[in-house]
Structure formats: C-alpha cells, structure tokens
C-alpha cells in the first residue's frame, strides 16, 4: 500500500500542473523548432546564456545570418531573427486553465522593413495552438502591424502602408486605423 501511495505521489508530482508563474525562458526552450525554424535549440540556449552573462546575445541562425535576442524578462522576450523579421513573445494571463496553467503565450511575428506586417498567434505554454480570437477582442483582418503595449495586457495595432501605388491610393481613401486590442482574461 505504501509503495502504491509513493508511486502515486511521484507520478502526480511529475504530471502536476505547471508552476503558478511560468517563466518565458523555460517556455522558449521548449518551443518546437517548427515554429521558428531559423533557430535551433542550441541557438535558443546560447541566447539565454548570453543574456544571463550580460553579453550581446547574437547567434548564427540556420540560414547563415545573424539573429539577436533584444530583450528578456520573466514574462517576455524579443528576438530580431533577421533584418526583416522580429518575434516578440509574452506570457499572458488567462482565467480558465489551459494545459494545466493560468497563462498562455502570445507571439507576434513581424515581417518586412518598409511596410511591416504582423501575425498574431496564441499558444499554450506547451505550444499547443489556440484560437487567437478567443483571447483578443476585436481582432481585425490582416494586414496590420502589432506590438505589445508596455505595462498592460493590450496589443496595439496599426494599419500597414501598401507598397503598390494603386493599393496605396485605395488605402488613402479609407481612414488608416490605429487601435488597442484588449486581452480577454
């Protein structure tokens, strides 16, 4: 009986819900390579080591270019993957439990330099894709450029400027928009 109880306790500890507050570094290390194929697991480990050592966190990515981790905190990180791609991740609070946690990962991938365009994605801390619309109220159709609002759970969106002259004229007829989207907890 004691043996069964001990096995049950050990299994429950191993399979227990995540910590009350996950740290983005732990979630980032477990990110599947398929979500950011430019960077290997070793690249991600190097980023964290360099940041911990207060060094410039720059690595050679899978395409032979340079990628740099720009910032790292307990709940967020930013990476300049290439000159034309930036990824920002933030742990966001949720009221319902998702994969045994009260947090999810919101990832903004921004592509382009002259006319940047962003993609928003939401994942569980175990990197299971979730519906963005469930957590972001009033999410418009793309294209837009997105960024986190510092010190809040809002995301700022702004319309992108089309590079095609005809599309640009059409876009000028429509009022360019700028809005904050609130995170639904």
N, C-alpha and C. Protein backbone atom coordinates (compact mmCIF):
# COMPACT_ATOMS: atom_id res chain seq x y z
N UNK A 1 0.83 -1.20 0.00
CA UNK A 1 0.00 0.00 0.00
C UNK A 1 0.87 1.26 0.00
N UNK A 2 1.92 1.25 0.84
CA UNK A 2 2.80 2.40 0.91
C UNK A 2 3.52 2.60 -0.41
N UNK A 3 3.87 1.48 -1.04
CA UNK A 3 4.56 1.56 -2.33
C UNK A 3 3.65 2.21 -3.38
N UNK A 4 2.38 1.83 -3.41
CA UNK A 4 1.42 2.43 -4.34
C UNK A 4 1.24 3.91 -4.07
N UNK A 5 1.15 4.27 -2.82
CA UNK A 5 0.99 5.67 -2.45
C UNK A 5 2.20 6.48 -2.90
N UNK A 6 3.37 5.93 -2.69
CA UNK A 6 4.61 6.61 -3.11
C UNK A 6 4.65 6.78 -4.62
N UNK A 7 4.27 5.77 -5.37
CA UNK A 7 4.25 5.85 -6.83
C UNK A 7 3.22 6.89 -7.27
N UNK A 8 2.06 6.90 -6.63
CA UNK A 8 1.02 7.87 -6.96
C UNK A 8 1.51 9.29 -6.71
N UNK A 9 2.15 9.52 -5.59
CA UNK A 9 2.67 10.85 -5.26
C UNK A 9 3.73 11.28 -6.27
N UNK A 10 4.65 10.38 -6.60
CA UNK A 10 5.69 10.70 -7.57
C UNK A 10 5.10 11.00 -8.95
N UNK A 11 4.15 10.21 -9.39
CA UNK A 11 3.51 10.45 -10.68
C UNK A 11 2.74 11.76 -10.69
N UNK A 12 2.05 12.05 -9.61
CA UNK A 12 1.30 13.30 -9.56
C UNK A 12 2.22 14.51 -9.56
N UNK A 13 3.40 14.37 -8.95
CA UNK A 13 4.38 15.45 -8.99
C UNK A 13 4.94 15.64 -10.39
N UNK A 14 5.21 14.54 -11.07
CA UNK A 14 5.74 14.62 -12.43
C UNK A 14 4.71 15.16 -13.41
N UNK A 15 3.48 14.81 -13.21
CA UNK A 15 2.42 15.22 -14.13
C UNK A 15 1.61 16.39 -13.59
N UNK A 16 2.11 17.04 -12.56
CA UNK A 16 1.36 18.11 -11.92
C UNK A 16 1.26 19.33 -12.83
N UNK A 17 0.31 20.21 -12.52
CA UNK A 17 0.17 21.43 -13.30
C UNK A 17 1.46 22.25 -13.24
N UNK A 18 1.60 23.12 -14.20
CA UNK A 18 2.80 23.95 -14.24
C UNK A 18 2.86 24.84 -13.02
N UNK A 19 4.01 25.44 -12.83
CA UNK A 19 4.19 26.34 -11.71
C UNK A 19 3.15 27.44 -11.79
N UNK A 20 2.88 28.08 -10.66
CA UNK A 20 1.91 29.17 -10.64
C UNK A 20 2.29 30.24 -11.66
N UNK A 21 3.55 30.56 -11.75
CA UNK A 21 4.01 31.53 -12.72
C UNK A 21 5.15 30.92 -13.54
N UNK A 22 4.86 30.59 -14.77
CA UNK A 22 5.90 30.10 -15.69
C UNK A 22 6.82 31.27 -16.02
N UNK A 23 8.01 30.98 -16.45
CA UNK A 23 8.92 32.00 -16.96
C UNK A 23 9.08 31.77 -18.45
N UNK A 24 9.15 32.87 -19.19
CA UNK A 24 9.21 32.77 -20.65
C UNK A 24 10.45 32.01 -21.11
N UNK A 25 11.53 32.09 -20.36
CA UNK A 25 12.76 31.38 -20.76
C UNK A 25 12.52 29.87 -20.81
N UNK A 26 11.79 29.33 -19.85
CA UNK A 26 11.51 27.89 -19.83
C UNK A 26 10.59 27.49 -20.98
N UNK A 27 9.60 28.33 -21.24
CA UNK A 27 8.66 28.07 -22.34
C UNK A 27 9.40 28.17 -23.68
N UNK A 28 10.26 29.18 -23.81
CA UNK A 28 11.04 29.40 -25.03
C UNK A 28 11.95 28.21 -25.34
N UNK A 29 12.55 27.64 -24.32
CA UNK A 29 13.43 26.48 -24.54
C UNK A 29 12.67 25.26 -25.04
N UNK A 30 11.41 25.15 -24.68
CA UNK A 30 10.60 24.00 -25.09
C UNK A 30 9.86 24.23 -26.41
N UNK A 31 10.05 25.41 -27.00
CA UNK A 31 9.37 25.73 -28.25
C UNK A 31 9.82 24.78 -29.35
N UNK A 32 8.89 24.22 -30.10
CA UNK A 32 9.26 23.33 -31.21
C UNK A 32 10.04 24.10 -32.29
N UNK A 33 11.02 23.44 -32.88
CA UNK A 33 11.82 24.06 -33.93
C UNK A 33 10.96 24.51 -35.11
N UNK A 34 9.84 23.86 -35.34
CA UNK A 34 8.99 24.18 -36.48
C UNK A 34 8.36 25.57 -36.38
N UNK A 35 8.25 26.13 -35.17
CA UNK A 35 7.65 27.46 -35.02
C UNK A 35 8.62 28.58 -35.34
N UNK A 36 9.89 28.32 -35.22
CA UNK A 36 10.93 29.30 -35.54
C UNK A 36 12.11 28.54 -36.14
N UNK A 37 11.95 28.06 -37.38
CA UNK A 37 12.96 27.17 -37.96
C UNK A 37 14.33 27.81 -38.16
N UNK A 38 14.41 29.13 -38.11
CA UNK A 38 15.71 29.80 -38.22
C UNK A 38 16.63 29.42 -37.07
N UNK A 39 16.04 29.12 -35.90
CA UNK A 39 16.83 28.94 -34.69
C UNK A 39 16.74 27.52 -34.16
N UNK A 40 17.89 26.94 -33.86
CA UNK A 40 17.94 25.61 -33.28
C UNK A 40 17.78 25.70 -31.76
N UNK A 41 17.65 24.57 -31.13
CA UNK A 41 17.59 24.53 -29.68
C UNK A 41 18.89 25.09 -29.09
N UNK A 42 20.02 24.78 -29.71
CA UNK A 42 21.31 25.32 -29.24
C UNK A 42 21.35 26.84 -29.36
N UNK A 43 20.79 27.39 -30.44
CA UNK A 43 20.72 28.84 -30.58
C UNK A 43 19.91 29.46 -29.44
N UNK A 44 18.80 28.82 -29.10
CA UNK A 44 17.95 29.34 -28.02
C UNK A 44 18.69 29.27 -26.68
N UNK A 45 19.41 28.17 -26.44
CA UNK A 45 20.21 28.05 -25.22
C UNK A 45 21.30 29.12 -25.18
N UNK A 46 21.97 29.35 -26.32
CA UNK A 46 23.01 30.38 -26.38
C UNK A 46 22.44 31.76 -26.09
N UNK A 47 21.27 32.07 -26.64
CA UNK A 47 20.63 33.35 -26.35
C UNK A 47 20.51 33.57 -24.84
N UNK A 48 19.99 32.57 -24.16
CA UNK A 48 19.77 32.69 -22.72
C UNK A 48 21.09 32.81 -21.96
N UNK A 49 22.08 32.02 -22.35
CA UNK A 49 23.39 32.11 -21.70
C UNK A 49 24.01 33.49 -21.88
N UNK A 50 23.93 34.02 -23.10
CA UNK A 50 24.49 35.35 -23.36
C UNK A 50 23.75 36.42 -22.55
N UNK A 51 22.43 36.33 -22.50
CA UNK A 51 21.66 37.32 -21.74
C UNK A 51 21.99 37.23 -20.26
N UNK A 52 22.12 36.02 -19.74
CA UNK A 52 22.46 35.84 -18.32
C UNK A 52 23.84 36.40 -18.01
N UNK A 53 24.74 36.39 -18.99
CA UNK A 53 26.11 36.88 -18.81
C UNK A 53 26.25 38.36 -19.18
N UNK A 54 25.13 39.02 -19.46
CA UNK A 54 25.13 40.43 -19.87
C UNK A 54 26.00 40.68 -21.09
N UNK A 55 25.97 39.73 -22.01
CA UNK A 55 26.70 39.86 -23.27
C UNK A 55 25.70 40.11 -24.40
N UNK A 56 26.20 40.55 -25.54
CA UNK A 56 25.35 40.69 -26.72
C UNK A 56 24.88 39.29 -27.11
N UNK A 57 23.58 39.09 -27.16
CA UNK A 57 23.01 37.76 -27.43
C UNK A 57 22.79 37.60 -28.93
N UNK A 58 23.87 37.32 -29.64
CA UNK A 58 23.82 37.16 -31.09
C UNK A 58 24.32 35.77 -31.46
N UNK A 59 23.57 35.11 -32.35
CA UNK A 59 23.95 33.78 -32.81
C UNK A 59 23.86 33.73 -34.33
N UNK A 60 24.52 32.74 -34.91
CA UNK A 60 24.38 32.48 -36.34
C UNK A 60 23.21 31.53 -36.51
N UNK A 61 22.20 31.98 -37.28
CA UNK A 61 20.99 31.17 -37.45
C UNK A 61 21.18 30.11 -38.54
N UNK A 62 20.17 29.33 -38.77
CA UNK A 62 20.23 28.21 -39.71
C UNK A 62 20.45 28.64 -41.16
N UNK A 63 20.16 29.90 -41.47
CA UNK A 63 20.37 30.37 -42.84
C UNK A 63 21.72 31.07 -43.00
N UNK A 64 22.55 31.02 -41.95
CA UNK A 64 23.87 31.62 -42.02
C UNK A 64 23.90 33.09 -41.67
N UNK A 65 22.74 33.67 -41.35
CA UNK A 65 22.68 35.07 -40.96
C UNK A 65 22.78 35.21 -39.45
N UNK A 66 22.70 36.44 -38.97
CA UNK A 66 22.77 36.73 -37.54
C UNK A 66 21.37 36.96 -36.98
N UNK A 67 21.13 36.40 -35.81
CA UNK A 67 19.90 36.63 -35.05
C UNK A 67 20.32 37.14 -33.68
N UNK A 68 19.53 38.07 -33.12
CA UNK A 68 19.89 38.66 -31.83
C UNK A 68 18.68 38.71 -30.90
N UNK A 69 18.87 38.27 -29.67
CA UNK A 69 17.85 38.44 -28.65
C UNK A 69 17.99 39.86 -28.13
N UNK A 70 16.93 40.65 -28.28
CA UNK A 70 16.97 42.06 -27.91
C UNK A 70 16.63 42.30 -26.45
N UNK A 71 15.71 41.49 -25.91
CA UNK A 71 15.32 41.68 -24.51
C UNK A 71 14.80 40.36 -23.95
N UNK A 72 14.91 40.24 -22.63
CA UNK A 72 14.44 39.05 -21.92
C UNK A 72 14.04 39.46 -20.51
N UNK A 73 12.82 39.13 -20.14
CA UNK A 73 12.36 39.31 -18.76
C UNK A 73 11.71 38.01 -18.34
N UNK A 74 11.11 37.98 -17.17
CA UNK A 74 10.45 36.76 -16.72
C UNK A 74 9.23 36.42 -17.58
N UNK A 75 8.60 37.46 -18.16
CA UNK A 75 7.36 37.21 -18.88
C UNK A 75 7.40 37.53 -20.37
N UNK A 76 8.51 38.08 -20.87
CA UNK A 76 8.54 38.47 -22.28
C UNK A 76 9.95 38.38 -22.85
N UNK A 77 10.02 38.26 -24.18
CA UNK A 77 11.30 38.31 -24.88
C UNK A 77 11.08 38.85 -26.27
N UNK A 78 12.16 39.37 -26.85
CA UNK A 78 12.12 39.89 -28.22
C UNK A 78 13.37 39.43 -28.94
N UNK A 79 13.20 38.98 -30.18
CA UNK A 79 14.31 38.49 -30.99
C UNK A 79 14.24 39.12 -32.38
N UNK A 80 15.36 39.69 -32.81
CA UNK A 80 15.49 40.13 -34.20
C UNK A 80 16.05 38.92 -34.93
N UNK A 81 15.17 38.16 -35.57
CA UNK A 81 15.55 36.90 -36.19
C UNK A 81 16.41 37.15 -37.43
N UNK A 82 16.03 38.16 -38.20
CA UNK A 82 16.78 38.58 -39.38
C UNK A 82 16.51 40.08 -39.55
N UNK A 83 17.20 40.74 -40.47
CA UNK A 83 16.91 42.16 -40.65
C UNK A 83 15.44 42.45 -40.98
N UNK A 84 14.74 41.48 -41.55
CA UNK A 84 13.35 41.69 -41.95
C UNK A 84 12.34 40.91 -41.10
N UNK A 85 12.76 40.34 -39.98
CA UNK A 85 11.82 39.56 -39.15
C UNK A 85 12.14 39.74 -37.67
N UNK A 86 11.11 40.12 -36.92
CA UNK A 86 11.22 40.27 -35.47
C UNK A 86 10.11 39.45 -34.82
N UNK A 87 10.45 38.78 -33.72
CA UNK A 87 9.48 37.98 -32.98
C UNK A 87 9.48 38.47 -31.52
N UNK A 88 8.28 38.71 -31.02
CA UNK A 88 8.11 39.11 -29.63
C UNK A 88 7.12 38.13 -29.00
N UNK A 89 7.49 37.60 -27.83
CA UNK A 89 6.62 36.66 -27.11
C UNK A 89 6.36 37.21 -25.72
N UNK A 90 5.13 37.00 -25.26
CA UNK A 90 4.79 37.42 -23.91
C UNK A 90 3.84 36.39 -23.29
N UNK A 91 4.09 36.06 -22.03
CA UNK A 91 3.16 35.22 -21.29
C UNK A 91 1.99 36.09 -20.87
N UNK A 92 0.79 35.64 -21.17
CA UNK A 92 -0.40 36.42 -20.87
C UNK A 92 -1.30 35.63 -19.91
N UNK A 93 -1.96 36.33 -18.99
CA UNK A 93 -2.82 35.65 -18.02
C UNK A 93 -4.16 35.22 -18.64
N UNK A 94 -4.66 34.11 -18.18
CA UNK A 94 -5.99 33.64 -18.57
C UNK A 94 -6.73 33.17 -17.32
N UNK A 95 -8.05 33.28 -17.34
CA UNK A 95 -8.83 32.87 -16.17
C UNK A 95 -9.09 31.37 -16.17
N UNK A 96 -9.30 30.80 -17.35
CA UNK A 96 -9.51 29.35 -17.42
C UNK A 96 -8.16 28.66 -17.55
N UNK A 97 -8.08 27.47 -17.08
CA UNK A 97 -6.84 26.70 -17.13
C UNK A 97 -6.63 26.16 -18.55
N UNK A 98 -5.46 26.38 -19.09
CA UNK A 98 -5.09 25.89 -20.41
C UNK A 98 -3.84 25.03 -20.24
N UNK A 99 -3.96 23.75 -20.56
CA UNK A 99 -2.86 22.80 -20.35
C UNK A 99 -2.30 22.92 -18.93
N UNK A 100 -3.18 22.96 -17.97
CA UNK A 100 -2.85 22.99 -16.54
C UNK A 100 -2.18 24.28 -16.09
N UNK A 101 -2.30 25.35 -16.85
CA UNK A 101 -1.68 26.63 -16.48
C UNK A 101 -2.68 27.78 -16.60
N UNK A 102 -2.37 28.84 -15.91
CA UNK A 102 -3.19 30.06 -15.97
C UNK A 102 -2.54 31.10 -16.87
N UNK A 103 -1.68 30.65 -17.79
CA UNK A 103 -1.01 31.53 -18.73
C UNK A 103 -0.99 30.89 -20.11
N UNK A 104 -0.90 31.75 -21.11
CA UNK A 104 -0.69 31.30 -22.49
C UNK A 104 0.41 32.19 -23.09
N UNK A 105 0.95 31.77 -24.22
CA UNK A 105 1.98 32.53 -24.92
C UNK A 105 1.33 33.27 -26.07
N UNK A 106 1.50 34.59 -26.10
CA UNK A 106 1.07 35.38 -27.25
C UNK A 106 2.34 35.74 -28.02
N UNK A 107 2.37 35.38 -29.29
CA UNK A 107 3.56 35.59 -30.12
C UNK A 107 3.21 36.49 -31.29
N UNK A 108 3.97 37.58 -31.42
CA UNK A 108 3.81 38.49 -32.55
C UNK A 108 5.04 38.34 -33.44
N UNK A 109 4.81 37.94 -34.67
CA UNK A 109 5.88 37.83 -35.66
C UNK A 109 5.68 38.95 -36.67
N UNK A 110 6.67 39.83 -36.82
CA UNK A 110 6.55 40.96 -37.73
C UNK A 110 7.57 40.78 -38.85
N UNK A 111 7.07 40.89 -40.08
CA UNK A 111 7.88 40.67 -41.28
C UNK A 111 7.96 41.96 -42.09
N UNK A 112 9.12 42.21 -42.67
CA UNK A 112 9.29 43.36 -43.55
C UNK A 112 9.88 44.56 -42.82
N UNK A 113 10.50 45.45 -43.62
CA UNK A 113 11.10 46.65 -43.06
C UNK A 113 10.35 47.90 -43.52
N UNK A 114 10.12 48.02 -44.81
CA UNK A 114 9.47 49.22 -45.35
C UNK A 114 7.97 49.24 -45.05
N UNK A 115 7.33 48.11 -45.17
CA UNK A 115 5.91 48.00 -44.88
C UNK A 115 5.70 46.77 -44.00
N UNK A 116 6.05 46.88 -42.72
CA UNK A 116 5.97 45.71 -41.85
C UNK A 116 4.54 45.21 -41.67
N UNK A 117 4.44 43.91 -41.56
CA UNK A 117 3.15 43.26 -41.37
C UNK A 117 3.32 42.18 -40.30
N UNK A 118 2.35 42.10 -39.39
CA UNK A 118 2.48 41.17 -38.27
C UNK A 118 1.47 40.04 -38.34
N UNK A 119 1.84 38.96 -37.69
CA UNK A 119 0.94 37.84 -37.46
C UNK A 119 0.88 37.62 -35.95
N UNK A 120 -0.33 37.45 -35.44
CA UNK A 120 -0.53 37.15 -34.03
C UNK A 120 -0.87 35.68 -33.88
N UNK A 121 -0.25 35.03 -32.91
CA UNK A 121 -0.56 33.63 -32.64
C UNK A 121 -0.58 33.44 -31.13
N UNK A 122 -1.46 32.56 -30.67
CA UNK A 122 -1.58 32.25 -29.25
C UNK A 122 -1.38 30.75 -29.08
N UNK A 123 -0.55 30.41 -28.08
CA UNK A 123 -0.23 29.01 -27.80
C UNK A 123 -0.35 28.75 -26.30
N UNK A 124 -0.59 27.49 -25.96
CA UNK A 124 -0.49 27.10 -24.56
C UNK A 124 1.00 27.11 -24.21
N UNK A 125 1.32 27.02 -22.93
CA UNK A 125 2.74 27.00 -22.54
C UNK A 125 3.42 25.72 -23.01
N UNK A 126 2.64 24.77 -23.47
CA UNK A 126 3.20 23.54 -24.05
C UNK A 126 3.16 23.60 -25.59
N UNK A 127 2.95 24.80 -26.11
CA UNK A 127 2.99 25.09 -27.54
C UNK A 127 1.89 24.44 -28.35
N UNK A 128 0.74 24.25 -27.74
CA UNK A 128 -0.44 23.80 -28.48
C UNK A 128 -1.13 25.05 -29.05
N UNK A 129 -1.37 25.11 -30.37
CA UNK A 129 -2.01 26.30 -30.96
C UNK A 129 -3.41 26.51 -30.39
N UNK A 130 -3.73 27.77 -30.13
CA UNK A 130 -5.04 28.15 -29.62
C UNK A 130 -5.65 29.19 -30.56
N UNK A 131 -6.95 29.39 -30.47
CA UNK A 131 -7.63 30.38 -31.30
C UNK A 131 -7.35 31.78 -30.76
N UNK A 132 -6.73 32.63 -31.56
CA UNK A 132 -6.40 33.99 -31.14
C UNK A 132 -7.65 34.78 -30.78
N UNK A 133 -8.73 34.58 -31.53
CA UNK A 133 -9.97 35.33 -31.32
C UNK A 133 -10.57 35.07 -29.93
N UNK A 134 -10.23 33.96 -29.34
CA UNK A 134 -10.74 33.63 -28.00
C UNK A 134 -10.12 34.54 -26.94
N UNK A 135 -8.93 35.07 -27.21
CA UNK A 135 -8.20 35.85 -26.22
C UNK A 135 -8.04 37.33 -26.59
N UNK A 136 -8.26 37.65 -27.85
CA UNK A 136 -8.09 39.02 -28.32
C UNK A 136 -9.41 39.54 -28.84
N UNK A 137 -9.95 40.56 -28.16
CA UNK A 137 -11.25 41.11 -28.55
C UNK A 137 -11.07 42.10 -29.69
N UNK A 138 -11.93 42.01 -30.68
CA UNK A 138 -11.93 42.97 -31.78
C UNK A 138 -10.75 42.86 -32.72
N UNK A 139 -10.23 41.67 -32.91
CA UNK A 139 -9.09 41.47 -33.80
C UNK A 139 -9.54 41.67 -35.25
N UNK A 140 -8.98 42.68 -35.95
CA UNK A 140 -9.38 42.91 -37.35
C UNK A 140 -8.69 41.94 -38.29
N UNK A 141 -9.12 41.96 -39.53
CA UNK A 141 -8.45 41.14 -40.54
C UNK A 141 -7.10 41.76 -40.86
N UNK A 142 -6.10 40.93 -41.20
CA UNK A 142 -4.81 41.46 -41.62
C UNK A 142 -4.97 42.22 -42.93
N UNK A 143 -4.08 43.04 -43.32
CA UNK A 143 -2.74 43.26 -42.76
C UNK A 143 -2.76 44.34 -41.68
N UNK A 144 -1.88 44.18 -40.72
CA UNK A 144 -1.65 45.17 -39.68
C UNK A 144 -0.27 44.94 -39.09
N UNK A 145 0.19 45.93 -38.35
CA UNK A 145 1.44 45.79 -37.61
C UNK A 145 1.05 45.79 -36.14
N UNK A 146 1.57 44.84 -35.38
CA UNK A 146 1.18 44.68 -33.98
C UNK A 146 2.37 44.84 -33.06
N UNK A 147 2.09 45.34 -31.85
CA UNK A 147 3.11 45.43 -30.80
C UNK A 147 2.41 45.40 -29.45
N UNK A 148 3.13 44.91 -28.43
CA UNK A 148 2.59 44.90 -27.08
C UNK A 148 2.67 46.31 -26.51
N UNK A 149 1.67 46.70 -25.72
CA UNK A 149 1.70 47.96 -25.01
C UNK A 149 2.38 47.71 -23.67
N UNK A 150 3.47 48.44 -23.42
CA UNK A 150 4.24 48.24 -22.19
C UNK A 150 3.36 48.47 -20.96
N UNK A 151 3.52 47.61 -19.97
CA UNK A 151 2.82 47.77 -18.70
C UNK A 151 1.34 47.46 -18.74
N UNK A 152 0.87 46.81 -19.80
CA UNK A 152 -0.54 46.46 -19.87
C UNK A 152 -0.70 45.12 -20.59
N UNK A 153 -1.93 44.68 -20.69
CA UNK A 153 -2.22 43.45 -21.42
C UNK A 153 -2.87 43.78 -22.76
N UNK A 154 -2.59 44.97 -23.28
CA UNK A 154 -3.13 45.39 -24.57
C UNK A 154 -2.12 45.14 -25.68
N UNK A 155 -2.64 45.05 -26.87
CA UNK A 155 -1.81 44.95 -28.07
C UNK A 155 -2.23 46.09 -28.98
N UNK A 156 -1.26 46.84 -29.47
CA UNK A 156 -1.54 47.97 -30.35
C UNK A 156 -1.42 47.49 -31.79
N UNK A 157 -2.43 47.86 -32.57
CA UNK A 157 -2.44 47.51 -33.99
C UNK A 157 -2.48 48.78 -34.81
N UNK A 158 -1.76 48.79 -35.91
CA UNK A 158 -1.89 49.90 -36.84
C UNK A 158 -1.90 49.35 -38.25
N UNK A 159 -2.61 50.05 -39.11
CA UNK A 159 -2.70 49.63 -40.50
C UNK A 159 -1.35 49.76 -41.18
N UNK A 160 -1.12 48.95 -42.17
CA UNK A 160 0.15 49.00 -42.90
C UNK A 160 -0.04 49.79 -44.18
N UNK A 161 1.03 50.38 -44.64
CA UNK A 161 1.01 51.16 -45.87
C UNK A 161 1.37 50.23 -47.03
N UNK A 162 0.51 50.17 -47.99
CA UNK A 162 0.75 49.30 -49.15
C UNK A 162 1.87 49.85 -50.01
N UNK A 163 2.72 48.97 -50.54
CA UNK A 163 3.81 49.39 -51.41
C UNK A 163 3.34 49.59 -52.85
N UNK A 164 2.30 48.90 -53.25
CA UNK A 164 1.76 49.04 -54.59
C UNK A 164 1.06 50.40 -54.71
N UNK A 165 1.43 51.25 -55.68
CA UNK A 165 0.86 52.60 -55.79
C UNK A 165 -0.66 52.60 -55.90
N UNK A 166 -1.24 51.68 -56.64
CA UNK A 166 -2.70 51.63 -56.79
C UNK A 166 -3.34 51.26 -55.46
N UNK A 167 -2.78 50.25 -54.81
CA UNK A 167 -3.32 49.85 -53.49
C UNK A 167 -3.14 50.97 -52.49
N UNK A 168 -2.03 51.72 -52.60
CA UNK A 168 -1.79 52.83 -51.66
C UNK A 168 -2.86 53.91 -51.82
N UNK A 169 -3.22 54.24 -53.07
CA UNK A 169 -4.27 55.23 -53.30
C UNK A 169 -5.60 54.76 -52.70
N UNK A 170 -5.92 53.49 -52.88
CA UNK A 170 -7.15 52.95 -52.31
C UNK A 170 -7.10 53.01 -50.78
N UNK A 171 -5.95 52.72 -50.23
CA UNK A 171 -5.81 52.73 -48.77
C UNK A 171 -5.98 54.14 -48.23
N UNK A 172 -5.54 55.17 -48.98
CA UNK A 172 -5.66 56.55 -48.52
C UNK A 172 -7.12 57.00 -48.48
N UNK A 173 -7.97 56.39 -49.29
CA UNK A 173 -9.39 56.73 -49.27
C UNK A 173 -10.05 56.25 -47.99
N UNK A 174 -9.50 55.19 -47.44
CA UNK A 174 -10.02 54.64 -46.18
C UNK A 174 -9.19 55.23 -45.06
N UNK A 175 -9.85 55.65 -44.00
CA UNK A 175 -9.14 56.21 -42.85
C UNK A 175 -8.19 55.17 -42.27
N UNK A 176 -6.87 55.46 -42.23
CA UNK A 176 -5.97 54.48 -41.59
C UNK A 176 -6.34 54.35 -40.12
N UNK A 177 -6.29 53.16 -39.62
CA UNK A 177 -6.75 52.94 -38.25
C UNK A 177 -5.60 52.61 -37.32
N UNK A 178 -5.82 52.93 -36.09
CA UNK A 178 -4.89 52.60 -35.03
C UNK A 178 -5.75 52.28 -33.82
N UNK A 179 -5.55 51.15 -33.25
CA UNK A 179 -6.39 50.78 -32.11
C UNK A 179 -5.65 49.86 -31.17
N UNK A 180 -6.12 49.79 -29.96
CA UNK A 180 -5.61 48.84 -28.98
C UNK A 180 -6.62 47.72 -28.86
N UNK A 181 -6.12 46.53 -28.81
CA UNK A 181 -6.96 45.36 -28.58
C UNK A 181 -6.69 44.89 -27.16
N UNK A 182 -7.73 44.69 -26.42
CA UNK A 182 -7.60 44.25 -25.05
C UNK A 182 -7.52 42.74 -24.97
N UNK A 183 -6.67 42.27 -24.10
CA UNK A 183 -6.54 40.85 -23.83
C UNK A 183 -7.73 40.43 -22.97
N UNK A 184 -8.47 39.41 -23.39
CA UNK A 184 -9.60 38.90 -22.64
C UNK A 184 -9.08 37.86 -21.68
N UNK A 185 -9.17 38.13 -20.40
CA UNK A 185 -8.62 37.20 -19.41
C UNK A 185 -9.61 36.15 -19.00
